[in-house]
Amino acid sequence: MTKRRLPALSPSETEILRLVWLLDKATVQNVCDKLPAGRKISYATVQTLLRRLEKKGYLKHHIRGKAHVFSAAVKREAVIKRSVGDFLDRLFGGDPVPLMQYLAEHGKIDADDIERLKRLTDKK
């Protein structure tokens, strides 16, 4: 991954980038086919989002026949690290404890998840 700071992602861009990571290499049609059934998004919109992600530096492409084949230009972990870090800073002043409390109190994590987190912290 490049050392430059990449521009922020919109929710739609994040969704499309996640699908490209999942597919590894993807055409516009591949991404459209992977969208959830209830997600109403046109082929042209997916194409625009892929081009926007490429312009921002998140994707690259090569041409195969007449199709543009997109792949990640940045590692998933790097984007997650930055996005989660930014989120923690903005909402919680960088403190992860209130976030974990919220997730536990609202049923987003369960006892098994907490045990996994304990094992992770014990490793550090």
N, C-alpha and C. Protein backbone atom coordinates (compact mmCIF):
# COMPACT_ATOMS: atom_id res chain seq x y z
N MET A 1 0.83 -1.18 0.00
CA MET A 1 0.00 0.00 0.00
C MET A 1 0.87 1.24 0.00
N THR A 2 0.42 2.24 -0.69
CA THR A 2 1.13 3.50 -0.74
C THR A 2 1.06 4.19 0.62
N LYS A 3 2.03 5.05 0.89
CA LYS A 3 2.09 5.74 2.17
C LYS A 3 1.21 6.98 2.19
N ARG A 4 0.73 7.43 1.02
CA ARG A 4 -0.09 8.64 1.02
C ARG A 4 -1.45 8.38 1.67
N ARG A 5 -2.02 9.44 2.19
CA ARG A 5 -3.32 9.35 2.86
C ARG A 5 -4.41 9.29 1.79
N LEU A 6 -5.18 8.22 1.78
CA LEU A 6 -6.25 8.07 0.80
C LEU A 6 -7.49 8.84 1.25
N PRO A 7 -8.26 9.34 0.30
CA PRO A 7 -9.49 10.07 0.64
C PRO A 7 -10.49 9.15 1.34
N ALA A 8 -11.36 9.77 2.11
CA ALA A 8 -12.40 9.02 2.82
C ALA A 8 -13.34 8.35 1.82
N LEU A 9 -14.01 7.30 2.29
CA LEU A 9 -14.95 6.55 1.47
C LEU A 9 -16.39 6.84 1.89
N SER A 10 -17.26 6.90 0.91
CA SER A 10 -18.70 6.98 1.20
C SER A 10 -19.18 5.58 1.55
N PRO A 11 -20.36 5.46 2.15
CA PRO A 11 -20.90 4.12 2.42
C PRO A 11 -21.03 3.26 1.16
N SER A 12 -21.47 3.84 0.07
CA SER A 12 -21.61 3.07 -1.18
C SER A 12 -20.25 2.63 -1.72
N GLU A 13 -19.26 3.51 -1.64
CA GLU A 13 -17.92 3.14 -2.08
C GLU A 13 -17.36 2.02 -1.22
N THR A 14 -17.60 2.10 0.07
CA THR A 14 -17.13 1.05 0.99
C THR A 14 -17.76 -0.29 0.63
N GLU A 15 -19.05 -0.28 0.34
CA GLU A 15 -19.76 -1.51 -0.03
C GLU A 15 -19.15 -2.12 -1.29
N ILE A 16 -18.89 -1.31 -2.29
CA ILE A 16 -18.33 -1.81 -3.55
C ILE A 16 -16.89 -2.29 -3.35
N LEU A 17 -16.09 -1.55 -2.60
CA LEU A 17 -14.72 -1.97 -2.32
C LEU A 17 -14.70 -3.31 -1.59
N ARG A 18 -15.60 -3.49 -0.64
CA ARG A 18 -15.68 -4.75 0.10
C ARG A 18 -15.97 -5.91 -0.86
N LEU A 19 -16.83 -5.68 -1.85
CA LEU A 19 -17.15 -6.73 -2.82
C LEU A 19 -15.95 -7.05 -3.71
N VAL A 20 -15.20 -6.03 -4.10
CA VAL A 20 -14.00 -6.28 -4.91
C VAL A 20 -12.99 -7.09 -4.09
N TRP A 21 -12.82 -6.75 -2.82
CA TRP A 21 -11.93 -7.56 -1.97
C TRP A 21 -12.41 -9.00 -1.93
N LEU A 22 -13.70 -9.19 -1.78
CA LEU A 22 -14.28 -10.52 -1.71
C LEU A 22 -14.03 -11.31 -3.00
N LEU A 23 -14.19 -10.65 -4.13
CA LEU A 23 -14.04 -11.30 -5.43
C LEU A 23 -12.58 -11.41 -5.90
N ASP A 24 -11.71 -10.59 -5.35
CA ASP A 24 -10.30 -10.50 -5.70
C ASP A 24 -10.10 -9.71 -7.01
N LYS A 25 -10.72 -10.15 -8.07
CA LYS A 25 -10.71 -9.43 -9.35
C LYS A 25 -12.16 -9.39 -9.82
N ALA A 26 -12.60 -8.23 -10.32
CA ALA A 26 -14.02 -8.12 -10.64
C ALA A 26 -14.29 -7.14 -11.76
N THR A 27 -15.21 -7.53 -12.62
CA THR A 27 -15.76 -6.61 -13.61
C THR A 27 -16.97 -5.91 -12.99
N VAL A 28 -17.49 -4.94 -13.68
CA VAL A 28 -18.70 -4.26 -13.20
C VAL A 28 -19.81 -5.29 -13.01
N GLN A 29 -19.96 -6.19 -13.98
CA GLN A 29 -21.01 -7.19 -13.89
C GLN A 29 -20.80 -8.13 -12.70
N ASN A 30 -19.56 -8.51 -12.44
CA ASN A 30 -19.28 -9.37 -11.28
C ASN A 30 -19.75 -8.71 -9.99
N VAL A 31 -19.46 -7.42 -9.86
CA VAL A 31 -19.86 -6.68 -8.66
C VAL A 31 -21.38 -6.60 -8.59
N CYS A 32 -22.03 -6.28 -9.69
CA CYS A 32 -23.49 -6.22 -9.72
C CYS A 32 -24.10 -7.56 -9.29
N ASP A 33 -23.52 -8.64 -9.75
CA ASP A 33 -24.03 -9.97 -9.42
C ASP A 33 -23.86 -10.31 -7.94
N LYS A 34 -22.87 -9.72 -7.28
CA LYS A 34 -22.61 -10.00 -5.86
C LYS A 34 -23.40 -9.11 -4.91
N LEU A 35 -24.05 -8.08 -5.43
CA LEU A 35 -24.84 -7.20 -4.56
C LEU A 35 -25.99 -7.97 -3.93
N PRO A 36 -26.36 -7.64 -2.70
CA PRO A 36 -27.50 -8.31 -2.06
C PRO A 36 -28.76 -8.17 -2.92
N ALA A 37 -29.62 -9.17 -2.88
CA ALA A 37 -30.80 -9.21 -3.74
C ALA A 37 -31.67 -7.96 -3.63
N GLY A 38 -31.83 -7.44 -2.44
CA GLY A 38 -32.69 -6.27 -2.25
C GLY A 38 -32.04 -4.94 -2.56
N ARG A 39 -30.76 -4.98 -2.88
CA ARG A 39 -30.00 -3.73 -3.12
C ARG A 39 -30.28 -3.24 -4.53
N LYS A 40 -30.95 -2.12 -4.63
CA LYS A 40 -31.29 -1.56 -5.93
C LYS A 40 -30.22 -0.56 -6.34
N ILE A 41 -29.31 -1.02 -7.17
CA ILE A 41 -28.24 -0.16 -7.67
C ILE A 41 -27.98 -0.55 -9.12
N SER A 42 -27.92 0.43 -9.99
CA SER A 42 -27.79 0.16 -11.41
C SER A 42 -26.36 -0.18 -11.81
N TYR A 43 -26.25 -0.81 -12.94
CA TYR A 43 -24.95 -1.15 -13.52
C TYR A 43 -24.11 0.12 -13.67
N ALA A 44 -24.72 1.19 -14.19
CA ALA A 44 -24.00 2.45 -14.40
C ALA A 44 -23.49 3.03 -13.08
N THR A 45 -24.27 2.90 -12.03
CA THR A 45 -23.85 3.42 -10.72
C THR A 45 -22.67 2.61 -10.19
N VAL A 46 -22.72 1.29 -10.33
CA VAL A 46 -21.59 0.45 -9.92
C VAL A 46 -20.34 0.83 -10.70
N GLN A 47 -20.50 1.03 -11.99
CA GLN A 47 -19.38 1.43 -12.84
C GLN A 47 -18.79 2.76 -12.37
N THR A 48 -19.65 3.71 -12.06
CA THR A 48 -19.19 5.01 -11.55
C THR A 48 -18.44 4.86 -10.24
N LEU A 49 -18.99 4.05 -9.33
CA LEU A 49 -18.34 3.84 -8.04
C LEU A 49 -16.98 3.17 -8.19
N LEU A 50 -16.87 2.21 -9.09
CA LEU A 50 -15.58 1.55 -9.33
C LEU A 50 -14.56 2.55 -9.87
N ARG A 51 -14.99 3.38 -10.81
CA ARG A 51 -14.08 4.39 -11.36
C ARG A 51 -13.66 5.40 -10.29
N ARG A 52 -14.61 5.79 -9.44
CA ARG A 52 -14.32 6.73 -8.36
C ARG A 52 -13.31 6.13 -7.38
N LEU A 53 -13.50 4.84 -7.05
CA LEU A 53 -12.56 4.16 -6.17
C LEU A 53 -11.16 4.08 -6.79
N GLU A 54 -11.12 3.89 -8.09
CA GLU A 54 -9.82 3.86 -8.77
C GLU A 54 -9.17 5.25 -8.73
N LYS A 55 -9.95 6.27 -9.00
CA LYS A 55 -9.42 7.64 -8.97
C LYS A 55 -8.90 8.01 -7.58
N LYS A 56 -9.58 7.51 -6.54
CA LYS A 56 -9.15 7.78 -5.16
C LYS A 56 -7.94 6.96 -4.75
N GLY A 57 -7.59 5.94 -5.54
CA GLY A 57 -6.41 5.14 -5.24
C GLY A 57 -6.68 3.81 -4.56
N TYR A 58 -7.94 3.44 -4.40
CA TYR A 58 -8.29 2.18 -3.73
C TYR A 58 -8.27 0.99 -4.69
N LEU A 59 -8.53 1.23 -5.96
CA LEU A 59 -8.59 0.17 -6.96
C LEU A 59 -7.65 0.48 -8.12
N LYS A 60 -7.34 -0.56 -8.87
CA LYS A 60 -6.64 -0.44 -10.14
C LYS A 60 -7.38 -1.34 -11.12
N HIS A 61 -7.07 -1.22 -12.39
CA HIS A 61 -7.74 -2.11 -13.35
C HIS A 61 -6.80 -2.48 -14.49
N HIS A 62 -7.16 -3.56 -15.14
CA HIS A 62 -6.54 -3.92 -16.40
C HIS A 62 -7.69 -4.29 -17.34
N ILE A 63 -7.40 -4.33 -18.62
CA ILE A 63 -8.45 -4.61 -19.60
C ILE A 63 -8.29 -6.05 -20.08
N ARG A 64 -9.41 -6.77 -20.06
CA ARG A 64 -9.47 -8.14 -20.58
C ARG A 64 -10.58 -8.15 -21.61
N GLY A 65 -10.21 -8.27 -22.86
CA GLY A 65 -11.21 -8.16 -23.92
C GLY A 65 -11.75 -6.73 -23.93
N LYS A 66 -13.06 -6.61 -23.76
CA LYS A 66 -13.67 -5.29 -23.68
C LYS A 66 -13.97 -4.86 -22.24
N ALA A 67 -13.70 -5.75 -21.31
CA ALA A 67 -14.06 -5.50 -19.91
C ALA A 67 -12.90 -4.93 -19.12
N HIS A 68 -13.22 -4.00 -18.23
CA HIS A 68 -12.28 -3.51 -17.24
C HIS A 68 -12.36 -4.47 -16.05
N VAL A 69 -11.23 -5.01 -15.64
CA VAL A 69 -11.18 -5.91 -14.50
C VAL A 69 -10.49 -5.17 -13.35
N PHE A 70 -11.25 -4.95 -12.29
CA PHE A 70 -10.77 -4.18 -11.15
C PHE A 70 -10.22 -5.10 -10.07
N SER A 71 -9.18 -4.60 -9.39
CA SER A 71 -8.63 -5.31 -8.24
C SER A 71 -8.17 -4.26 -7.23
N ALA A 72 -7.95 -4.71 -6.02
CA ALA A 72 -7.58 -3.79 -4.95
C ALA A 72 -6.18 -3.22 -5.17
N ALA A 73 -6.04 -1.94 -4.90
CA ALA A 73 -4.74 -1.29 -4.92
C ALA A 73 -4.23 -1.08 -3.50
N VAL A 74 -5.10 -1.35 -2.53
CA VAL A 74 -4.75 -1.23 -1.11
C VAL A 74 -5.21 -2.48 -0.38
N LYS A 75 -4.53 -2.79 0.69
CA LYS A 75 -4.90 -3.96 1.47
C LYS A 75 -6.10 -3.65 2.35
N ARG A 76 -6.95 -4.63 2.48
CA ARG A 76 -8.16 -4.50 3.29
C ARG A 76 -7.83 -4.08 4.72
N GLU A 77 -6.83 -4.70 5.30
CA GLU A 77 -6.46 -4.43 6.69
C GLU A 77 -6.06 -2.97 6.90
N ALA A 78 -5.37 -2.40 5.92
CA ALA A 78 -4.94 -1.01 6.04
C ALA A 78 -6.14 -0.06 6.04
N VAL A 79 -7.12 -0.35 5.20
CA VAL A 79 -8.32 0.50 5.13
C VAL A 79 -9.13 0.34 6.41
N ILE A 80 -9.26 -0.88 6.90
CA ILE A 80 -9.99 -1.11 8.14
C ILE A 80 -9.31 -0.39 9.30
N LYS A 81 -8.00 -0.52 9.38
CA LYS A 81 -7.25 0.13 10.46
C LYS A 81 -7.49 1.63 10.47
N ARG A 82 -7.39 2.24 9.31
CA ARG A 82 -7.59 3.68 9.23
C ARG A 82 -9.03 4.07 9.52
N SER A 83 -9.98 3.35 8.94
CA SER A 83 -11.40 3.68 9.12
C SER A 83 -11.84 3.51 10.56
N VAL A 84 -11.45 2.42 11.19
CA VAL A 84 -11.82 2.18 12.58
C VAL A 84 -11.13 3.20 13.49
N GLY A 85 -9.87 3.47 13.19
CA GLY A 85 -9.15 4.48 13.97
C GLY A 85 -9.81 5.85 13.89
N ASP A 86 -10.18 6.25 12.69
CA ASP A 86 -10.88 7.53 12.50
C ASP A 86 -12.20 7.55 13.25
N PHE A 87 -12.95 6.45 13.17
CA PHE A 87 -14.24 6.34 13.85
C PHE A 87 -14.06 6.45 15.36
N LEU A 88 -13.09 5.71 15.90
CA LEU A 88 -12.82 5.78 17.35
C LEU A 88 -12.43 7.18 17.78
N ASP A 89 -11.60 7.83 17.00
CA ASP A 89 -11.18 9.19 17.34
C ASP A 89 -12.37 10.16 17.33
N ARG A 90 -13.18 10.08 16.30
CA ARG A 90 -14.31 11.01 16.17
C ARG A 90 -15.37 10.81 17.23
N LEU A 91 -15.78 9.57 17.46
CA LEU A 91 -16.89 9.31 18.36
C LEU A 91 -16.49 9.07 19.81
N PHE A 92 -15.29 8.54 20.04
CA PHE A 92 -14.92 8.13 21.38
C PHE A 92 -13.58 8.70 21.85
N GLY A 93 -13.07 9.69 21.15
CA GLY A 93 -11.80 10.28 21.55
C GLY A 93 -10.65 9.29 21.54
N GLY A 94 -10.77 8.24 20.73
CA GLY A 94 -9.72 7.23 20.62
C GLY A 94 -9.81 6.10 21.62
N ASP A 95 -10.78 6.16 22.54
CA ASP A 95 -10.94 5.14 23.59
C ASP A 95 -11.86 4.02 23.09
N PRO A 96 -11.37 2.79 22.96
CA PRO A 96 -12.20 1.70 22.45
C PRO A 96 -13.20 1.14 23.47
N VAL A 97 -13.00 1.41 24.76
CA VAL A 97 -13.86 0.82 25.79
C VAL A 97 -15.33 1.21 25.62
N PRO A 98 -15.67 2.50 25.42
CA PRO A 98 -17.09 2.83 25.24
C PRO A 98 -17.71 2.14 24.01
N LEU A 99 -16.93 1.94 22.97
CA LEU A 99 -17.43 1.23 21.80
C LEU A 99 -17.74 -0.22 22.15
N MET A 100 -16.82 -0.87 22.85
CA MET A 100 -17.05 -2.27 23.24
C MET A 100 -18.25 -2.38 24.18
N GLN A 101 -18.39 -1.42 25.11
CA GLN A 101 -19.54 -1.43 26.01
C GLN A 101 -20.84 -1.31 25.22
N TYR A 102 -20.84 -0.40 24.26
CA TYR A 102 -22.04 -0.23 23.43
C TYR A 102 -22.38 -1.52 22.70
N LEU A 103 -21.38 -2.14 22.09
CA LEU A 103 -21.62 -3.38 21.34
C LEU A 103 -22.14 -4.48 22.26
N ALA A 104 -21.59 -4.59 23.46
CA ALA A 104 -22.05 -5.61 24.40
C ALA A 104 -23.47 -5.33 24.89
N GLU A 105 -23.75 -4.08 25.20
CA GLU A 105 -25.07 -3.72 25.74
C GLU A 105 -26.18 -3.84 24.70
N HIS A 106 -25.85 -3.71 23.44
CA HIS A 106 -26.87 -3.75 22.39
C HIS A 106 -26.87 -5.06 21.61
N GLY A 107 -26.26 -6.08 22.18
CA GLY A 107 -26.35 -7.42 21.60
C GLY A 107 -25.58 -7.62 20.32
N LYS A 108 -24.61 -6.77 20.05
CA LYS A 108 -23.81 -6.93 18.83
C LYS A 108 -22.65 -7.89 19.01
N ILE A 109 -22.28 -8.15 20.26
CA ILE A 109 -21.27 -9.16 20.56
C ILE A 109 -21.82 -10.01 21.70
N ASP A 110 -21.42 -11.27 21.71
CA ASP A 110 -21.91 -12.18 22.75
C ASP A 110 -20.74 -12.70 23.58
N ALA A 111 -21.04 -13.62 24.48
CA ALA A 111 -20.02 -14.13 25.39
C ALA A 111 -18.87 -14.80 24.64
N ASP A 112 -19.17 -15.51 23.55
CA ASP A 112 -18.10 -16.13 22.76
C ASP A 112 -17.19 -15.08 22.15
N ASP A 113 -17.77 -13.99 21.67
CA ASP A 113 -16.96 -12.91 21.12
C ASP A 113 -16.06 -12.30 22.19
N ILE A 114 -16.60 -12.12 23.38
CA ILE A 114 -15.83 -11.55 24.48
C ILE A 114 -14.67 -12.46 24.85
N GLU A 115 -14.90 -13.76 24.86
CA GLU A 115 -13.82 -14.71 25.13
C GLU A 115 -12.72 -14.62 24.07
N ARG A 116 -13.12 -14.50 22.81
CA ARG A 116 -12.14 -14.35 21.74
C ARG A 116 -11.33 -13.07 21.93
N LEU A 117 -12.00 -12.00 22.34
CA LEU A 117 -11.30 -10.74 22.59
C LEU A 117 -10.33 -10.88 23.75
N LYS A 118 -10.74 -11.61 24.80
CA LYS A 118 -9.84 -11.84 25.94
C LYS A 118 -8.58 -12.57 25.49
N ARG A 119 -8.76 -13.59 24.64
CA ARG A 119 -7.59 -14.34 24.15
C ARG A 119 -6.68 -13.43 23.33
N LEU A 120 -7.28 -12.56 22.54
CA LEU A 120 -6.47 -11.62 21.75
C LEU A 120 -5.67 -10.67 22.64
N THR A 121 -6.31 -10.15 23.67
CA THR A 121 -5.60 -9.22 24.55
C THR A 121 -4.53 -9.94 25.37
N ASP A 122 -4.77 -11.22 25.69
CA ASP A 122 -3.77 -11.99 26.44
C ASP A 122 -2.51 -12.21 25.60
N LYS A 123 -2.68 -12.28 24.27
CA LYS A 123 -1.53 -12.48 23.37
C LYS A 123 -0.64 -11.24 23.31
N LYS A 124 -1.19 -10.09 23.58
CA LYS A 124 -0.43 -8.83 23.42
C LYS A 124 0.40 -8.50 24.61
